[in-house]
């Protein structure tokens, strides 16, 4: 169930302050990205999260498959390049 947690103003530059208690509870840090969405007349703010390794891997595999990229070959080239930089 939705509840009103606080009321804030929009600045002349269109900026909105997220109250400190909410930032702390959600772990929102300075300079962290926030997703802004709309639903009808509502504005929805969501904390942007970093995708996990599994999610990134699935996305990379999906794009590689669509673009017909040989991921194994790319990995081999990356390993060769990294080893050449160690010498």
C-alpha atoms as a PDB file:
ATOM      1  CA  UNK A   1       0.000   0.000   0.000  1.00  0.00           C
ATOM      2  CA  UNK A   2       1.286   3.448  -0.938  1.00  0.00           C
ATOM      3  CA  UNK A   3       1.668   6.129   1.699  1.00  0.00           C
ATOM      4  CA  UNK A   4       2.826   9.726   1.714  1.00  0.00           C
ATOM      5  CA  UNK A   5       6.255   9.833   3.312  1.00  0.00           C
ATOM      6  CA  UNK A   6       7.113  13.492   2.836  1.00  0.00           C
ATOM      7  CA  UNK A   7       6.400  16.540   0.683  1.00  0.00           C
ATOM      8  CA  UNK A   8       9.113  18.342  -1.252  1.00  0.00           C
ATOM      9  CA  UNK A   9       9.276  21.248  -3.734  1.00  0.00           C
ATOM     10  CA  UNK A  10      10.533  21.462  -7.286  1.00  0.00           C
ATOM     11  CA  UNK A  11      13.273  24.092  -7.638  1.00  0.00           C
ATOM     12  CA  UNK A  12      13.397  26.677 -10.438  1.00  0.00           C
ATOM     13  CA  UNK A  13      15.853  24.299 -12.174  1.00  0.00           C
ATOM     14  CA  UNK A  14      13.419  21.376 -11.928  1.00  0.00           C
ATOM     15  CA  UNK A  15      15.353  19.693  -9.122  1.00  0.00           C
ATOM     16  CA  UNK A  16      13.682  17.686  -6.367  1.00  0.00           C
ATOM     17  CA  UNK A  17      15.222  16.789  -3.004  1.00  0.00           C
ATOM     18  CA  UNK A  18      14.715  13.212  -1.831  1.00  0.00           C
ATOM     19  CA  UNK A  19      14.354  13.449   1.956  1.00  0.00           C
ATOM     20  CA  UNK A  20      17.371  12.259   3.960  1.00  0.00           C
ATOM     21  CA  UNK A  21      15.441   9.534   5.809  1.00  0.00           C
ATOM     22  CA  UNK A  22      14.309   7.983   2.524  1.00  0.00           C
ATOM     23  CA  UNK A  23      17.806   8.221   0.972  1.00  0.00           C
ATOM     24  CA  UNK A  24      19.292   6.511   4.022  1.00  0.00           C
ATOM     25  CA  UNK A  25      16.641   3.777   4.136  1.00  0.00           C
ATOM     26  CA  UNK A  26      17.103   3.003   0.428  1.00  0.00           C
ATOM     27  CA  UNK A  27      20.887   3.414   0.500  1.00  0.00           C
ATOM     28  CA  UNK A  28      20.918   6.194  -2.094  1.00  0.00           C
ATOM     29  CA  UNK A  29      24.349   7.832  -2.125  1.00  0.00           C
ATOM     30  CA  UNK A  30      25.466  11.201  -3.558  1.00  0.00           C
ATOM     31  CA  UNK A  31      25.946  11.127  -7.352  1.00  0.00           C
ATOM     32  CA  UNK A  32      24.140   7.783  -7.578  1.00  0.00           C
ATOM     33  CA  UNK A  33      21.810   7.396 -10.554  1.00  0.00           C
ATOM     34  CA  UNK A  34      18.045   7.340 -10.135  1.00  0.00           C
ATOM     35  CA  UNK A  35      15.629   6.034 -12.776  1.00  0.00           C
ATOM     36  CA  UNK A  36      12.770   8.440 -13.555  1.00  0.00           C
ATOM     37  CA  UNK A  37       9.603   6.891 -14.979  1.00  0.00           C
ATOM     38  CA  UNK A  38       6.039   8.044 -15.519  1.00  0.00           C
ATOM     39  CA  UNK A  39       2.741   6.227 -15.166  1.00  0.00           C
ATOM     40  CA  UNK A  40      -0.123   8.433 -16.275  1.00  0.00           C
ATOM     41  CA  UNK A  41       0.162  11.569 -14.165  1.00  0.00           C
ATOM     42  CA  UNK A  42       2.588   9.952 -11.673  1.00  0.00           C
ATOM     43  CA  UNK A  43       6.357  10.373 -11.547  1.00  0.00           C
ATOM     44  CA  UNK A  44       8.138   7.302 -10.245  1.00  0.00           C
ATOM     45  CA  UNK A  45      11.717   7.407  -8.954  1.00  0.00           C
ATOM     46  CA  UNK A  46      13.579   4.122  -8.616  1.00  0.00           C
ATOM     47  CA  UNK A  47      17.042   3.464  -7.322  1.00  0.00           C
ATOM     48  CA  UNK A  48      19.194   2.360 -10.226  1.00  0.00           C
ATOM     49  CA  UNK A  49      20.885  -0.893  -9.410  1.00  0.00           C
ATOM     50  CA  UNK A  50      23.982  -2.372 -10.887  1.00  0.00           C
ATOM     51  CA  UNK A  51      23.212  -5.561 -12.729  1.00  0.00           C
ATOM     52  CA  UNK A  52      24.752  -8.726 -11.333  1.00  0.00           C
ATOM     53  CA  UNK A  53      27.361 -10.770 -13.178  1.00  0.00           C
ATOM     54  CA  UNK A  54      24.772 -13.347 -14.252  1.00  0.00           C
ATOM     55  CA  UNK A  55      22.454 -10.688 -15.675  1.00  0.00           C
ATOM     56  CA  UNK A  56      25.331  -9.029 -17.548  1.00  0.00           C
ATOM     57  CA  UNK A  57      26.471 -12.380 -18.895  1.00  0.00           C
ATOM     58  CA  UNK A  58      22.968 -13.129 -20.206  1.00  0.00           C
ATOM     59  CA  UNK A  59      22.727  -9.727 -21.885  1.00  0.00           C
ATOM     60  CA  UNK A  60      26.150 -10.089 -23.498  1.00  0.00           C
ATOM     61  CA  UNK A  61      25.304 -13.592 -24.730  1.00  0.00           C
ATOM     62  CA  UNK A  62      22.010 -12.346 -26.175  1.00  0.00           C
ATOM     63  CA  UNK A  63      23.642  -9.454 -28.047  1.00  0.00           C
ATOM     64  CA  UNK A  64      26.518 -11.667 -29.221  1.00  0.00           C
ATOM     65  CA  UNK A  65      24.048 -14.224 -30.569  1.00  0.00           C
ATOM     66  CA  UNK A  66      22.023 -11.577 -32.426  1.00  0.00           C
ATOM     67  CA  UNK A  67      25.146 -10.010 -33.906  1.00  0.00           C
ATOM     68  CA  UNK A  68      26.735 -13.406 -34.610  1.00  0.00           C
ATOM     69  CA  UNK A  69      29.829 -12.568 -32.539  1.00  0.00           C
ATOM     70  CA  UNK A  70      32.194 -15.413 -31.607  1.00  0.00           C
ATOM     71  CA  UNK A  71      32.528 -14.775 -27.855  1.00  0.00           C
ATOM     72  CA  UNK A  72      35.108 -17.543 -27.348  1.00  0.00           C
ATOM     73  CA  UNK A  73      37.357 -15.931 -29.963  1.00  0.00           C
ATOM     74  CA  UNK A  74      36.954 -12.517 -28.295  1.00  0.00           C
ATOM     75  CA  UNK A  75      37.878 -14.004 -24.913  1.00  0.00           C
ATOM     76  CA  UNK A  76      40.980 -15.660 -26.386  1.00  0.00           C
ATOM     77  CA  UNK A  77      42.027 -12.355 -27.956  1.00  0.00           C
ATOM     78  CA  UNK A  78      41.444 -10.500 -24.675  1.00  0.00           C
ATOM     79  CA  UNK A  79      43.524 -13.045 -22.739  1.00  0.00           C
ATOM     80  CA  UNK A  80      46.324 -12.807 -25.314  1.00  0.00           C
ATOM     81  CA  UNK A  81      46.223  -9.008 -25.120  1.00  0.00           C
ATOM     82  CA  UNK A  82      46.259  -9.013 -21.293  1.00  0.00           C
ATOM     83  CA  UNK A  83      49.197 -11.433 -21.194  1.00  0.00           C
ATOM     84  CA  UNK A  84      51.142  -9.295 -23.657  1.00  0.00           C
ATOM     85  CA  UNK A  85      50.726  -6.304 -21.323  1.00  0.00           C
ATOM     86  CA  UNK A  86      52.234  -8.236 -18.378  1.00  0.00           C
ATOM     87  CA  UNK A  87      55.612  -8.602 -20.069  1.00  0.00           C
END
